[in-house]
Amino acid sequence: MSDCGQRGFTLLEMVCVLAIIALLAAVLLPFIPHQTSRSRLQAYALQTAALLKTDRNAAIRRQASVATLVDAEARAIRSGASRAAVQIPDDVRFDALLPQTCGRQAALSTISFFANGTSCGGAITLTRFDVGYEIRVNWLTGRIEVTPRDSSAN
């Protein structure tokens, strides 16, 4: 009998290698940064609009002013009527155009709504690469609208 050298891998060796790869993937996958997709960016814009509409409705219902806090440092928009908040991820550009004063008082990074439904207005822009959404609050009517924004034109 001649002694031939074996070449290749056994089935057991292949299963072990695949098991190790699967284990590494399961451990490392949560640490891979997830970037914000176009649909997720739109969802952040719609969540922000919904939060603002809730605060406006609360002001009308309570017959009292409600101020939504726009915290650029914390990258968050916080409801003045509830504990609700929208946290904006770090990979999204977050800009806010807010009034300096509202009702003869300093606005202090807020969008205020009044008992009659009006507001001091403001705009929040969320952008990721060439996709963006602007959430506008009309100062006269308090109406909140979300409009797509093409960043490549800027």
C-alpha atoms as a PDB file:
ATOM      1  CA  MET A   1       0.000   0.000   0.000  1.00  0.00           C
ATOM      2  CA  SER A   2       1.353   3.334  -0.928  1.00  0.00           C
ATOM      3  CA  ASP A   3       0.938   6.254   1.424  1.00  0.00           C
ATOM      4  CA  CYS A   4      -0.682   9.146  -0.461  1.00  0.00           C
ATOM      5  CA  GLY A   5      -0.777  12.646   1.061  1.00  0.00           C
ATOM      6  CA  GLN A   6      -4.309  13.927   1.627  1.00  0.00           C
ATOM      7  CA  ARG A   7      -5.279  17.259   0.204  1.00  0.00           C
ATOM      8  CA  GLY A   8      -8.267  19.505   0.946  1.00  0.00           C
ATOM      9  CA  PHE A   9     -10.407  20.024   4.006  1.00  0.00           C
ATOM     10  CA  THR A  10     -12.699  17.683   5.791  1.00  0.00           C
ATOM     11  CA  LEU A  11     -16.332  18.522   6.373  1.00  0.00           C
ATOM     12  CA  LEU A  12     -15.676  18.913  10.087  1.00  0.00           C
ATOM     13  CA  GLU A  13     -12.948  21.494   9.468  1.00  0.00           C
ATOM     14  CA  MET A  14     -15.246  23.506   7.172  1.00  0.00           C
ATOM     15  CA  VAL A  15     -18.068  23.479   9.751  1.00  0.00           C
ATOM     16  CA  CYS A  16     -15.658  24.688  12.460  1.00  0.00           C
ATOM     17  CA  VAL A  17     -14.408  27.565  10.289  1.00  0.00           C
ATOM     18  CA  LEU A  18     -17.974  28.619   9.434  1.00  0.00           C
ATOM     19  CA  ALA A  19     -18.941  28.462  13.121  1.00  0.00           C
ATOM     20  CA  ILE A  20     -16.014  30.718  14.053  1.00  0.00           C
ATOM     21  CA  ILE A  21     -16.936  33.225  11.316  1.00  0.00           C
ATOM     22  CA  ALA A  22     -20.578  33.245  12.461  1.00  0.00           C
ATOM     23  CA  LEU A  23     -19.525  33.775  16.076  1.00  0.00           C
ATOM     24  CA  LEU A  24     -17.247  36.693  15.136  1.00  0.00           C
ATOM     25  CA  ALA A  25     -20.002  38.258  13.018  1.00  0.00           C
ATOM     26  CA  ALA A  26     -22.514  37.968  15.868  1.00  0.00           C
ATOM     27  CA  VAL A  27     -20.115  39.635  18.304  1.00  0.00           C
ATOM     28  CA  LEU A  28     -18.834  42.402  16.001  1.00  0.00           C
ATOM     29  CA  LEU A  29     -22.003  43.334  14.070  1.00  0.00           C
ATOM     30  CA  PRO A  30     -23.498  45.567  16.800  1.00  0.00           C
ATOM     31  CA  PHE A  31     -20.290  47.635  16.843  1.00  0.00           C
ATOM     32  CA  ILE A  32     -20.382  48.498  13.146  1.00  0.00           C
ATOM     33  CA  PRO A  33     -21.765  52.031  12.795  1.00  0.00           C
ATOM     34  CA  HIS A  34     -25.109  52.202  11.045  1.00  0.00           C
ATOM     35  CA  GLN A  35     -25.559  55.215   8.838  1.00  0.00           C
ATOM     36  CA  THR A  36     -28.826  57.027   8.427  1.00  0.00           C
ATOM     37  CA  SER A  37     -30.671  56.016   5.274  1.00  0.00           C
ATOM     38  CA  ARG A  38     -32.899  58.280   3.182  1.00  0.00           C
ATOM     39  CA  SER A  39     -36.041  56.676   4.595  1.00  0.00           C
ATOM     40  CA  ARG A  40     -34.767  56.979   8.173  1.00  0.00           C
ATOM     41  CA  LEU A  41     -33.958  60.668   7.593  1.00  0.00           C
ATOM     42  CA  GLN A  42     -37.512  61.194   6.361  1.00  0.00           C
ATOM     43  CA  ALA A  43     -38.782  59.390   9.457  1.00  0.00           C
ATOM     44  CA  TYR A  44     -36.829  61.804  11.713  1.00  0.00           C
ATOM     45  CA  ALA A  45     -38.401  64.743   9.856  1.00  0.00           C
ATOM     46  CA  LEU A  46     -41.895  63.278  10.213  1.00  0.00           C
ATOM     47  CA  GLN A  47     -41.323  62.499  13.917  1.00  0.00           C
ATOM     48  CA  THR A  48     -40.218  66.100  14.462  1.00  0.00           C
ATOM     49  CA  ALA A  49     -43.305  67.430  12.649  1.00  0.00           C
ATOM     50  CA  ALA A  50     -45.559  65.147  14.688  1.00  0.00           C
ATOM     51  CA  LEU A  51     -43.964  66.348  17.939  1.00  0.00           C
ATOM     52  CA  LEU A  52     -44.480  69.988  16.912  1.00  0.00           C
ATOM     53  CA  LYS A  53     -48.117  69.308  15.936  1.00  0.00           C
ATOM     54  CA  THR A  54     -48.717  67.625  19.284  1.00  0.00           C
ATOM     55  CA  ASP A  55     -47.353  70.687  21.102  1.00  0.00           C
ATOM     56  CA  ARG A  56     -49.497  73.035  18.986  1.00  0.00           C
ATOM     57  CA  ASN A  57     -52.610  70.961  19.692  1.00  0.00           C
ATOM     58  CA  ALA A  58     -51.758  70.891  23.408  1.00  0.00           C
ATOM     59  CA  ALA A  59     -51.482  74.698  23.447  1.00  0.00           C
ATOM     60  CA  ILE A  60     -54.930  75.024  21.851  1.00  0.00           C
ATOM     61  CA  ARG A  61     -56.471  72.382  24.126  1.00  0.00           C
ATOM     62  CA  ARG A  62     -54.945  73.817  27.340  1.00  0.00           C
ATOM     63  CA  GLN A  63     -55.515  77.436  26.281  1.00  0.00           C
ATOM     64  CA  ALA A  64     -51.898  78.148  27.300  1.00  0.00           C
ATOM     65  CA  SER A  65     -48.562  78.603  25.561  1.00  0.00           C
ATOM     66  CA  VAL A  66     -46.394  75.547  24.902  1.00  0.00           C
ATOM     67  CA  ALA A  67     -42.721  75.843  23.933  1.00  0.00           C
ATOM     68  CA  THR A  68     -40.891  73.082  22.050  1.00  0.00           C
ATOM     69  CA  LEU A  69     -37.180  73.051  22.901  1.00  0.00           C
ATOM     70  CA  VAL A  70     -34.742  72.764  19.995  1.00  0.00           C
ATOM     71  CA  ASP A  71     -31.464  71.699  21.626  1.00  0.00           C
ATOM     72  CA  ALA A  72     -28.710  71.840  18.998  1.00  0.00           C
ATOM     73  CA  GLU A  73     -25.968  70.780  21.417  1.00  0.00           C
ATOM     74  CA  ALA A  74     -27.802  67.636  22.499  1.00  0.00           C
ATOM     75  CA  ARG A  75     -29.105  67.169  18.925  1.00  0.00           C
ATOM     76  CA  ALA A  76     -32.652  66.797  20.204  1.00  0.00           C
ATOM     77  CA  ILE A  77     -36.110  68.320  19.883  1.00  0.00           C
ATOM     78  CA  ARG A  78     -38.097  68.055  23.124  1.00  0.00           C
ATOM     79  CA  SER A  79     -41.809  68.505  23.563  1.00  0.00           C
ATOM     80  CA  GLY A  80     -43.058  71.213  25.895  1.00  0.00           C
ATOM     81  CA  ALA A  81     -46.325  69.350  26.479  1.00  0.00           C
ATOM     82  CA  SER A  82     -45.052  65.841  27.165  1.00  0.00           C
ATOM     83  CA  ARG A  83     -41.884  63.845  27.703  1.00  0.00           C
ATOM     84  CA  ALA A  84     -41.586  63.092  23.986  1.00  0.00           C
ATOM     85  CA  ALA A  85     -38.318  63.853  22.213  1.00  0.00           C
ATOM     86  CA  VAL A  86     -36.670  63.230  18.859  1.00  0.00           C
ATOM     87  CA  GLN A  87     -32.959  62.449  19.032  1.00  0.00           C
ATOM     88  CA  ILE A  88     -31.075  63.287  15.830  1.00  0.00           C
ATOM     89  CA  PRO A  89     -28.083  61.001  15.054  1.00  0.00           C
ATOM     90  CA  ASP A  90     -24.570  62.398  14.659  1.00  0.00           C
ATOM     91  CA  ASP A  91     -24.330  61.644  10.936  1.00  0.00           C
ATOM     92  CA  VAL A  92     -27.273  63.963  10.159  1.00  0.00           C
ATOM     93  CA  ARG A  93     -26.685  67.696   9.775  1.00  0.00           C
ATOM     94  CA  PHE A  94     -29.071  69.487  12.132  1.00  0.00           C
ATOM     95  CA  ASP A  95     -29.788  73.188  11.552  1.00  0.00           C
ATOM     96  CA  ALA A  96     -32.438  75.375  13.140  1.00  0.00           C
ATOM     97  CA  LEU A  97     -33.606  78.850  12.202  1.00  0.00           C
ATOM     98  CA  LEU A  98     -35.446  80.144  15.251  1.00  0.00           C
ATOM     99  CA  PRO A  99     -36.738  83.564  16.300  1.00  0.00           C
ATOM    100  CA  GLN A 100     -34.608  85.512  18.764  1.00  0.00           C
ATOM    101  CA  THR A 101     -37.655  86.860  20.551  1.00  0.00           C
ATOM    102  CA  CYS A 102     -41.203  85.626  20.870  1.00  0.00           C
ATOM    103  CA  GLY A 103     -43.974  87.625  22.486  1.00  0.00           C
ATOM    104  CA  ARG A 104     -41.478  90.315  23.575  1.00  0.00           C
ATOM    105  CA  GLN A 105     -39.394  87.737  25.449  1.00  0.00           C
ATOM    106  CA  ALA A 106     -36.206  85.892  24.510  1.00  0.00           C
ATOM    107  CA  ALA A 107     -37.104  82.720  22.600  1.00  0.00           C
ATOM    108  CA  LEU A 108     -34.179  80.719  24.071  1.00  0.00           C
ATOM    109  CA  SER A 109     -33.983  77.997  21.390  1.00  0.00           C
ATOM    110  CA  THR A 110     -37.691  77.274  21.354  1.00  0.00           C
ATOM    111  CA  ILE A 111     -40.592  77.184  18.968  1.00  0.00           C
ATOM    112  CA  SER A 112     -43.567  78.533  20.900  1.00  0.00           C
ATOM    113  CA  PHE A 113     -47.230  77.809  20.234  1.00  0.00           C
ATOM    114  CA  PHE A 114     -50.059  79.901  21.631  1.00  0.00           C
ATOM    115  CA  ALA A 115     -53.617  79.161  22.738  1.00  0.00           C
ATOM    116  CA  ASN A 116     -55.075  80.464  19.464  1.00  0.00           C
ATOM    117  CA  GLY A 117     -52.867  78.098  17.393  1.00  0.00           C
ATOM    118  CA  THR A 118     -50.388  80.715  16.196  1.00  0.00           C
ATOM    119  CA  SER A 119     -46.657  80.516  16.730  1.00  0.00           C
ATOM    120  CA  CYS A 120     -43.491  82.595  16.617  1.00  0.00           C
ATOM    121  CA  GLY A 121     -42.402  80.306  13.775  1.00  0.00           C
ATOM    122  CA  GLY A 122     -39.146  78.615  12.982  1.00  0.00           C
ATOM    123  CA  ALA A 123     -37.558  76.018  10.744  1.00  0.00           C
ATOM    124  CA  ILE A 124     -35.546  72.872  11.400  1.00  0.00           C
ATOM    125  CA  THR A 125     -33.458  71.325   8.616  1.00  0.00           C
ATOM    126  CA  LEU A 126     -32.197  67.733   8.659  1.00  0.00           C
ATOM    127  CA  THR A 127     -29.666  66.867   5.938  1.00  0.00           C
ATOM    128  CA  ARG A 128     -27.588  63.810   5.071  1.00  0.00           C
ATOM    129  CA  PHE A 129     -25.345  64.146   2.002  1.00  0.00           C
ATOM    130  CA  ASP A 130     -27.586  65.333  -0.850  1.00  0.00           C
ATOM    131  CA  VAL A 131     -30.915  64.530   0.855  1.00  0.00           C
ATOM    132  CA  GLY A 132     -32.647  66.856   3.257  1.00  0.00           C
ATOM    133  CA  TYR A 133     -35.963  67.782   4.823  1.00  0.00           C
ATOM    134  CA  GLU A 134     -37.084  71.091   6.231  1.00  0.00           C
ATOM    135  CA  ILE A 135     -39.723  71.233   8.947  1.00  0.00           C
ATOM    136  CA  ARG A 136     -41.322  74.689   8.837  1.00  0.00           C
ATOM    137  CA  VAL A 137     -43.584  76.288  11.415  1.00  0.00           C
ATOM    138  CA  ASN A 138     -45.609  79.207  10.035  1.00  0.00           C
ATOM    139  CA  TRP A 139     -45.591  82.112  12.478  1.00  0.00           C
ATOM    140  CA  LEU A 140     -49.063  83.351  11.553  1.00  0.00           C
ATOM    141  CA  THR A 141     -51.038  80.123  11.383  1.00  0.00           C
ATOM    142  CA  GLY A 142     -48.855  77.742  13.400  1.00  0.00           C
ATOM    143  CA  ARG A 143     -49.083  75.282  10.497  1.00  0.00           C
ATOM    144  CA  ILE A 144     -46.308  72.683  10.395  1.00  0.00           C
ATOM    145  CA  GLU A 145     -45.110  71.295   7.070  1.00  0.00           C
ATOM    146  CA  VAL A 146     -42.298  69.023   5.949  1.00  0.00           C
ATOM    147  CA  THR A 147     -40.704  69.804   2.613  1.00  0.00           C
ATOM    148  CA  PRO A 148     -37.974  67.854   0.812  1.00  0.00           C
ATOM    149  CA  ARG A 149     -34.815  69.802   0.215  1.00  0.00           C
ATOM    150  CA  ASP A 150     -32.257  69.155  -2.498  1.00  0.00           C
ATOM    151  CA  SER A 151     -28.851  69.935  -0.976  1.00  0.00           C
ATOM    152  CA  SER A 152     -26.996  69.524  -4.260  1.00  0.00           C
ATOM    153  CA  ALA A 153     -28.607  72.747  -5.535  1.00  0.00           C
ATOM    154  CA  ASN A 154     -27.065  74.732  -2.652  1.00  0.00           C
END
